[in-house]
Amino acid sequence: MTYSITEIASILGVSDKNIIPSEISILLVDSRKLSDPEKSLFFALESKNNDAHQFITDLYQSGVRNFVVSKKWKEWAPFSDANFFQVKNPLSALQKIAAHHRRKFDIPVIGITGSNGKTVVKEWLYQLLQDDYNIVRSPRSYNSQIGVPLSVWQLNEQTQIGIFEAGISQPDEMEHLEPVIRPTMGILTNIGKAHQENFESIQQKCMEKLELFTNCEMFVYEEDDKMIDECVNLSVLSQKSFAWSSDNTDAPLYIFKIEKNQFQSIIHYSFLHFNHAFAIPFTDQASIENAIDCLAVMLYLHVSPETISERMKKLEPVAMRLDVRRGKKDCLIINDTYNSDINSIEIALDFQQQRKMDR
């Protein structure tokens, strides 16, 4: 979609006096990824190690004429044919524009958060639902304060469902991501030790992640994880939950048996008092839990159990996520380079053990 630069000024609450007419379709945060200068709006983001204001002169010389900045440099004075929107925080401006864009779409949007499994669940949902919907999803694992708004910006008139990840590493970050994604459905995959150093407790981190679901119609989580279940019950979200459980027969989605063989897992479940089953071509615990999260969303979207079963058995691995390669002397190499935290290592070791048992 395209916005006039006047619309952008209005969204940001800055003056449009003496504005140079322009049309914007690209939100640019990395000067190295410049593709269409005339349609780009560059955000001069600052971090501990970098100040993107230093790239503005080069970008101007490359044809960019629209910038969001937090300060103005004297060397830009000759750039009279460019628009400079000065704001307190360019990152907040980026999120504000993306949140405005999100509000234009009255469609189902799935927000996914958790310590592990976000990208796999997102990609599997895409595989499972792409025959029914035109889907926009986060590229790779664009789940940060910067990545989320860039992901949501992809929404367009043809989009029927959005699927976006949200990752946080410290308190108060989710309150900035929730308005950008504004999910109607949510998934909490799990809560592990990743990024724990910035939180007082794992419970605090869980409560922070639950903020993503503030305006959801429903969200999915595993009731058997007692810590997560306690946090859900302490929040105002318990009435919106679509919990699944292997222990509680009264859970909305009850998993009453899981069978494994060398090549697949067969998951038996009860939903609305009817029993069904489906198979996935994976045997590790993480994949089973990720598939159940996807199952819950598909059931909520009224996908038939027969269709679910047919599609689940065709699930494909996500690139660089527990990707198995055969090495020398009959050894196995598990490529999980997407992740580097301790929970990911535990998941990879469980996956390795399952492969060992299958050999």
Protein backbone atom coordinates (compact mmCIF):
# COMPACT_ATOMS: atom_id res chain seq x y z
CA MET A 1 0.00 0.00 0.00
CA THR A 2 0.98 3.59 -0.56
CA TYR A 3 0.61 6.58 1.76
CA SER A 4 1.02 10.21 0.81
CA ILE A 5 3.72 12.00 2.75
CA THR A 6 0.97 14.30 4.03
CA GLU A 7 -0.79 11.27 5.56
CA ILE A 8 2.48 10.23 7.18
CA ALA A 9 2.87 13.69 8.69
CA SER A 10 -0.67 13.51 10.06
CA ILE A 11 -0.05 10.08 11.62
CA LEU A 12 3.09 11.37 13.33
CA GLY A 13 1.42 14.58 14.44
CA VAL A 14 4.03 16.81 12.81
CA SER A 15 3.52 19.89 10.67
CA ASP A 16 2.96 19.43 6.95
CA LYS A 17 3.91 23.04 6.22
CA ASN A 18 6.21 23.35 3.19
CA ILE A 19 6.01 19.61 2.67
CA ILE A 20 7.34 18.24 -0.61
CA PRO A 21 4.67 15.98 -2.23
CA SER A 22 5.67 12.33 -2.23
CA GLU A 23 4.23 8.82 -2.07
CA ILE A 24 5.57 6.29 0.46
CA SER A 25 5.37 2.51 0.16
CA ILE A 26 8.64 1.45 1.83
CA LEU A 27 9.63 1.90 5.48
CA LEU A 28 13.42 1.81 5.45
CA VAL A 29 15.58 1.20 8.54
CA ASP A 30 18.69 -0.26 6.91
CA SER A 31 20.46 1.97 4.38
CA ARG A 32 22.06 -1.10 2.80
CA LYS A 33 18.64 -2.38 1.72
CA LEU A 34 17.66 0.65 -0.35
CA SER A 35 15.67 -0.46 -3.41
CA ASP A 36 13.28 2.32 -4.46
CA PRO A 37 14.56 5.68 -3.16
CA GLU A 38 11.62 7.79 -4.29
CA LYS A 39 9.10 5.67 -2.35
CA SER A 40 11.20 5.14 0.77
CA LEU A 41 10.80 6.75 4.18
CA PHE A 42 14.03 6.35 6.15
CA PHE A 43 14.00 6.14 9.95
CA ALA A 44 17.24 7.30 11.58
CA LEU A 45 17.27 4.80 14.43
CA GLU A 46 19.81 5.02 17.21
CA SER A 47 21.31 2.26 19.34
CA LYS A 48 24.21 1.91 21.75
CA ASN A 49 26.58 1.20 18.89
CA ASN A 50 25.09 3.04 15.95
CA ASP A 51 23.43 6.29 14.92
CA ALA A 52 21.68 6.04 11.56
CA HIS A 53 21.63 9.82 11.14
CA GLN A 54 25.14 9.40 9.73
CA PHE A 55 23.73 7.63 6.65
CA ILE A 56 21.30 10.36 5.62
CA THR A 57 23.70 12.26 3.35
CA ASP A 58 24.54 9.11 1.39
CA LEU A 59 20.86 8.18 1.18
CA TYR A 60 19.99 11.65 -0.09
CA GLN A 61 22.66 11.34 -2.76
CA SER A 62 21.11 7.97 -3.68
CA GLY A 63 17.70 9.59 -4.22
CA VAL A 64 15.90 9.30 -0.87
CA ARG A 65 13.89 12.41 -0.05
CA ASN A 66 11.91 11.48 3.07
CA PHE A 67 13.41 11.05 6.52
CA VAL A 68 12.27 10.60 10.13
CA VAL A 69 14.93 11.99 12.47
CA SER A 70 15.38 12.96 16.10
CA LYS A 71 17.86 15.74 15.36
CA LYS A 72 19.00 17.82 12.42
CA TRP A 73 22.56 18.18 11.19
CA LYS A 74 23.94 21.31 9.55
CA GLU A 75 25.20 19.34 6.57
CA TRP A 76 21.60 18.63 5.55
CA ALA A 77 20.79 22.34 5.10
CA PRO A 78 21.24 22.21 1.30
CA PHE A 79 18.71 19.35 1.03
CA SER A 80 15.79 21.72 0.45
CA ASP A 81 13.88 19.25 -1.73
CA ALA A 82 13.71 16.66 1.08
CA ASN A 83 11.20 16.16 3.90
CA PHE A 84 12.62 15.86 7.41
CA PHE A 85 10.15 14.87 10.13
CA GLN A 86 11.75 15.55 13.48
CA VAL A 87 10.33 13.42 16.30
CA LYS A 88 11.43 12.49 19.80
CA ASN A 89 12.01 8.83 18.93
CA PRO A 90 12.18 7.50 15.34
CA LEU A 91 11.52 3.93 16.55
CA SER A 92 8.28 5.03 18.21
CA ALA A 93 7.39 6.82 14.97
CA LEU A 94 7.96 3.62 13.01
CA GLN A 95 5.70 1.70 15.39
CA LYS A 96 3.07 4.44 15.28
CA ILE A 97 2.86 4.34 11.49
CA ALA A 98 2.64 0.53 11.49
CA ALA A 99 -0.08 0.58 14.18
CA HIS A 100 -2.09 3.05 12.08
CA HIS A 101 -1.67 0.79 9.06
CA ARG A 102 -2.82 -2.26 11.07
CA ARG A 103 -6.05 -0.51 12.13
CA LYS A 104 -7.11 -0.28 8.49
CA PHE A 105 -7.63 -4.05 8.28
CA ASP A 106 -10.62 -5.83 9.79
CA ILE A 107 -9.22 -9.32 9.32
CA PRO A 108 -8.10 -12.20 11.55
CA VAL A 109 -4.58 -11.62 12.82
CA ILE A 110 -2.67 -14.28 14.74
CA GLY A 111 -0.05 -13.06 17.21
CA ILE A 112 2.52 -15.59 18.40
CA THR A 113 4.84 -15.17 21.37
CA GLY A 114 6.85 -17.43 23.66
CA SER A 115 10.45 -18.35 24.38
CA ASN A 116 10.73 -20.98 21.65
CA GLY A 117 8.73 -22.25 18.71
CA LYS A 118 7.38 -18.92 17.44
CA THR A 119 8.84 -19.16 13.96
CA VAL A 120 8.00 -22.85 13.54
CA VAL A 121 4.37 -22.31 14.58
CA LYS A 122 4.11 -19.29 12.28
CA GLU A 123 5.54 -21.18 9.30
CA TRP A 124 3.45 -24.29 9.98
CA LEU A 125 0.28 -22.22 10.22
CA TYR A 126 1.20 -20.75 6.86
CA GLN A 127 1.66 -24.24 5.40
CA LEU A 128 -1.63 -25.40 6.91
CA LEU A 129 -3.79 -22.40 5.95
CA GLN A 130 -2.33 -21.13 2.68
CA ASP A 131 -4.85 -23.09 0.58
CA ASP A 132 -7.72 -21.23 2.27
CA TYR A 133 -6.40 -17.71 2.78
CA ASN A 134 -4.16 -15.05 1.30
CA ILE A 135 -1.67 -14.76 4.16
CA VAL A 136 0.88 -12.15 5.19
CA ARG A 137 3.39 -13.35 7.78
CA SER A 138 6.54 -12.15 9.49
CA PRO A 139 9.61 -12.67 7.29
CA ARG A 140 11.96 -15.16 8.92
CA SER A 141 11.89 -14.21 12.61
CA TYR A 142 11.08 -10.50 12.40
CA ASN A 143 9.74 -10.30 15.95
CA SER A 144 11.61 -7.36 17.49
CA GLN A 145 10.64 -3.76 18.20
CA ILE A 146 11.83 -3.00 14.66
CA GLY A 147 10.91 -6.25 12.93
CA VAL A 148 7.26 -6.30 14.01
CA PRO A 149 6.28 -2.96 12.42
CA LEU A 150 8.12 -3.89 9.22
CA SER A 151 6.19 -7.18 9.16
CA VAL A 152 2.79 -5.57 9.73
CA TRP A 153 3.51 -2.97 7.03
CA GLN A 154 3.17 -5.83 4.49
CA LEU A 155 -0.61 -6.00 5.02
CA ASN A 156 -2.50 -5.06 1.86
CA GLU A 157 -5.98 -5.12 0.32
CA GLN A 158 -5.63 -8.78 -0.68
CA THR A 159 -4.61 -10.01 2.78
CA GLN A 160 -7.13 -12.31 4.47
CA ILE A 161 -5.07 -13.37 7.51
CA GLY A 162 -1.95 -11.97 9.15
CA ILE A 163 0.44 -14.14 11.18
CA PHE A 164 3.07 -12.28 13.19
CA GLU A 165 5.64 -13.11 15.86
CA ALA A 166 6.37 -10.92 18.87
CA GLY A 167 9.57 -11.32 20.85
CA ILE A 168 10.64 -9.38 23.93
CA SER A 169 13.86 -9.22 25.93
CA GLN A 170 12.94 -6.83 28.74
CA PRO A 171 9.90 -5.47 30.61
CA ASP A 172 7.48 -3.02 28.98
CA GLU A 173 8.36 -4.00 25.42
CA MET A 174 5.13 -5.86 24.67
CA GLU A 175 3.02 -2.77 25.28
CA HIS A 176 4.67 -1.28 22.19
CA LEU A 177 4.16 -4.38 20.03
CA GLU A 178 0.53 -5.17 20.92
CA PRO A 179 -0.95 -2.08 19.18
CA VAL A 180 1.13 -2.82 16.08
CA ILE A 181 0.05 -6.45 15.72
CA ARG A 182 -3.35 -6.02 17.40
CA PRO A 183 -3.99 -9.78 17.21
CA THR A 184 -7.50 -11.21 17.16
CA MET A 185 -6.08 -14.66 17.98
CA GLY A 186 -2.99 -15.50 19.96
CA ILE A 187 -0.62 -18.35 20.73
CA LEU A 188 1.71 -18.58 23.72
CA THR A 189 4.12 -21.36 22.78
CA ASN A 190 6.03 -21.72 26.06
CA ILE A 191 8.07 -19.78 28.59
CA GLY A 192 11.73 -20.68 28.98
CA LYS A 193 14.96 -19.12 30.17
CA ALA A 194 15.74 -17.10 27.04
CA HIS A 195 16.32 -13.38 27.84
CA GLN A 196 15.60 -14.10 31.51
CA GLU A 197 18.40 -11.81 32.69
CA ASN A 198 16.25 -8.69 32.27
CA PHE A 199 13.27 -9.99 34.25
CA GLU A 200 12.86 -10.33 38.00
CA SER A 201 11.26 -13.76 37.60
CA ILE A 202 9.98 -16.12 34.94
CA GLN A 203 6.45 -15.22 36.10
CA GLN A 204 7.11 -11.56 35.31
CA LYS A 205 8.24 -12.52 31.83
CA CYS A 206 5.13 -14.65 31.33
CA MET A 207 2.82 -11.83 32.40
CA GLU A 208 4.64 -9.48 30.04
CA LYS A 209 4.16 -11.84 27.10
CA LEU A 210 0.48 -12.27 27.92
CA GLU A 211 0.00 -8.54 27.27
CA LEU A 212 0.06 -9.37 23.56
CA PHE A 213 -3.39 -10.94 23.94
CA THR A 214 -5.10 -7.99 25.65
CA ASN A 215 -7.53 -7.43 22.77
CA CYS A 216 -7.69 -10.98 21.41
CA GLU A 217 -10.91 -12.91 20.90
CA MET A 218 -9.04 -16.01 22.06
CA PHE A 219 -5.54 -17.28 22.67
CA VAL A 220 -3.99 -20.74 22.82
CA TYR A 221 -1.72 -22.10 25.54
CA GLU A 222 -0.80 -25.39 27.21
CA GLU A 223 -2.73 -25.71 30.46
CA ASP A 224 -0.39 -28.43 31.74
CA ASP A 225 2.36 -25.84 32.18
CA LYS A 226 1.34 -24.86 35.70
CA MET A 227 3.33 -21.64 35.81
CA ILE A 228 1.70 -20.38 32.59
CA ASP A 229 -1.72 -21.54 33.77
CA GLU A 230 -1.32 -19.62 37.03
CA CYS A 231 -0.31 -16.47 35.16
CA VAL A 232 -3.30 -16.78 32.83
CA ASN A 233 -5.64 -17.12 35.80
CA LEU A 234 -4.06 -14.08 37.46
CA SER A 235 -4.57 -12.02 34.32
CA VAL A 236 -7.84 -10.77 32.88
CA LEU A 237 -7.48 -13.18 29.96
CA SER A 238 -8.73 -16.46 31.39
CA GLN A 239 -12.16 -16.11 29.76
CA LYS A 240 -10.49 -15.77 26.36
CA SER A 241 -8.27 -18.81 26.64
CA PHE A 242 -8.39 -21.84 24.36
CA ALA A 243 -6.35 -24.17 26.55
CA TRP A 244 -5.11 -27.59 25.54
CA SER A 245 -4.13 -30.30 27.96
CA SER A 246 -3.00 -33.89 28.18
CA ASP A 247 -4.16 -34.10 31.82
CA ASN A 248 -7.45 -32.23 32.08
CA THR A 249 -10.30 -34.02 30.34
CA ASP A 250 -12.42 -30.86 30.62
CA ALA A 251 -9.98 -28.68 28.69
CA PRO A 252 -11.39 -27.19 25.47
CA LEU A 253 -8.86 -29.31 23.58
CA TYR A 254 -7.96 -32.58 25.30
CA ILE A 255 -5.00 -34.59 24.02
CA PHE A 256 -5.72 -38.10 25.25
CA LYS A 257 -3.05 -40.15 23.47
CA ILE A 258 0.18 -39.66 21.53
CA GLU A 259 1.67 -42.57 19.63
CA LYS A 260 5.13 -42.53 18.08
CA ASN A 261 6.89 -44.76 15.62
CA GLN A 262 10.11 -44.36 13.67
CA PHE A 263 8.76 -41.76 11.27
CA GLN A 264 5.79 -39.97 12.81
CA SER A 265 3.71 -39.06 15.82
CA ILE A 266 -0.03 -39.71 15.92
CA ILE A 267 -1.90 -37.25 18.12
CA HIS A 268 -5.36 -38.23 19.39
CA TYR A 269 -7.58 -35.41 20.62
CA SER A 270 -11.07 -34.64 21.82
CA PHE A 271 -12.84 -31.45 20.77
CA LEU A 272 -16.52 -30.66 21.37
CA HIS A 273 -16.99 -34.23 22.67
CA PHE A 274 -15.78 -35.83 19.43
CA ASN A 275 -12.54 -37.79 19.12
CA HIS A 276 -10.16 -37.34 16.21
CA ALA A 277 -6.52 -37.97 15.33
CA PHE A 278 -3.83 -36.74 13.00
CA ALA A 279 -0.21 -37.60 12.25
CA ILE A 280 2.84 -35.38 11.83
CA PRO A 281 6.17 -36.47 10.29
CA PHE A 282 8.08 -35.57 13.47
CA THR A 283 8.65 -37.34 16.78
CA ASP A 284 10.32 -34.75 19.05
CA GLN A 285 8.32 -33.15 21.86
CA ALA A 286 8.74 -29.58 20.60
CA SER A 287 7.22 -30.46 17.22
CA ILE A 288 4.30 -32.23 18.89
CA GLU A 289 3.53 -29.17 21.03
CA ASN A 290 3.90 -26.82 18.06
CA ALA A 291 1.51 -28.96 16.02
CA ILE A 292 -1.09 -28.91 18.82
CA ASP A 293 -0.89 -25.10 18.95
CA CYS A 294 -1.59 -25.07 15.21
CA LEU A 295 -4.42 -27.56 15.68
CA ALA A 296 -6.18 -25.28 18.15
CA VAL A 297 -6.09 -22.33 15.74
CA MET A 298 -7.37 -24.46 12.86
CA LEU A 299 -10.25 -25.74 14.96
CA TYR A 300 -11.11 -22.18 15.97
CA LEU A 301 -11.15 -21.24 12.29
CA HIS A 302 -13.60 -24.11 11.64
CA VAL A 303 -11.21 -26.20 9.56
CA SER A 304 -12.60 -29.74 9.49
CA PRO A 305 -10.77 -32.54 11.33
CA GLU A 306 -10.46 -34.39 8.03
CA THR A 307 -8.73 -31.44 6.37
CA ILE A 308 -6.53 -30.95 9.42
CA SER A 309 -5.41 -34.57 9.27
CA GLU A 310 -4.66 -34.39 5.56
CA ARG A 311 -2.56 -31.25 5.89
CA MET A 312 -0.74 -32.10 9.13
CA LYS A 313 0.86 -35.19 7.62
CA LYS A 314 2.45 -32.99 4.94
CA LEU A 315 4.13 -30.54 7.32
CA GLU A 316 7.67 -29.66 6.31
CA PRO A 317 10.63 -28.65 8.50
CA VAL A 318 11.43 -24.96 8.82
CA ALA A 319 14.83 -24.06 7.34
CA MET A 320 17.61 -24.00 9.97
CA ARG A 321 15.20 -25.24 12.62
CA LEU A 322 16.22 -28.74 13.69
CA ASP A 323 17.34 -29.43 10.13
CA VAL A 324 18.98 -32.87 10.04
CA ARG A 325 22.00 -33.47 7.81
CA ARG A 326 24.09 -36.62 7.54
CA GLY A 327 27.79 -36.14 8.24
CA LYS A 328 30.87 -38.29 7.91
CA LYS A 329 31.07 -41.75 9.46
CA ASP A 330 27.26 -41.96 9.73
CA CYS A 331 26.96 -39.10 12.23
CA LEU A 332 23.99 -36.74 12.34
CA ILE A 333 24.29 -32.95 12.22
CA ILE A 334 21.33 -30.97 13.60
CA ASN A 335 21.28 -27.44 12.20
CA ASP A 336 19.36 -25.21 14.62
CA THR A 337 21.26 -22.01 13.89
CA TYR A 338 18.11 -19.90 14.17
CA ASN A 339 18.44 -20.20 17.95
CA SER A 340 21.23 -19.99 20.50
CA ASP A 341 19.58 -19.97 23.95
CA ILE A 342 19.60 -22.80 26.47
CA ASN A 343 16.00 -23.86 25.80
CA SER A 344 16.75 -24.26 22.11
CA ILE A 345 19.72 -26.47 22.97
CA GLU A 346 17.50 -28.62 25.22
CA ILE A 347 14.96 -28.96 22.39
CA ALA A 348 17.72 -29.90 19.94
CA LEU A 349 19.07 -32.54 22.34
CA ASP A 350 15.58 -34.02 22.74
CA PHE A 351 15.28 -34.06 18.96
CA GLN A 352 18.69 -35.76 18.73
CA GLN A 353 17.60 -38.40 21.24
CA GLN A 354 14.47 -39.15 19.21
CA ARG A 355 16.57 -39.52 16.06
CA LYS A 356 18.94 -41.83 17.94
CA MET A 357 16.04 -44.02 19.05
CA ASP A 358 14.77 -44.18 15.46
CA ARG A 359 18.07 -45.38 14.00
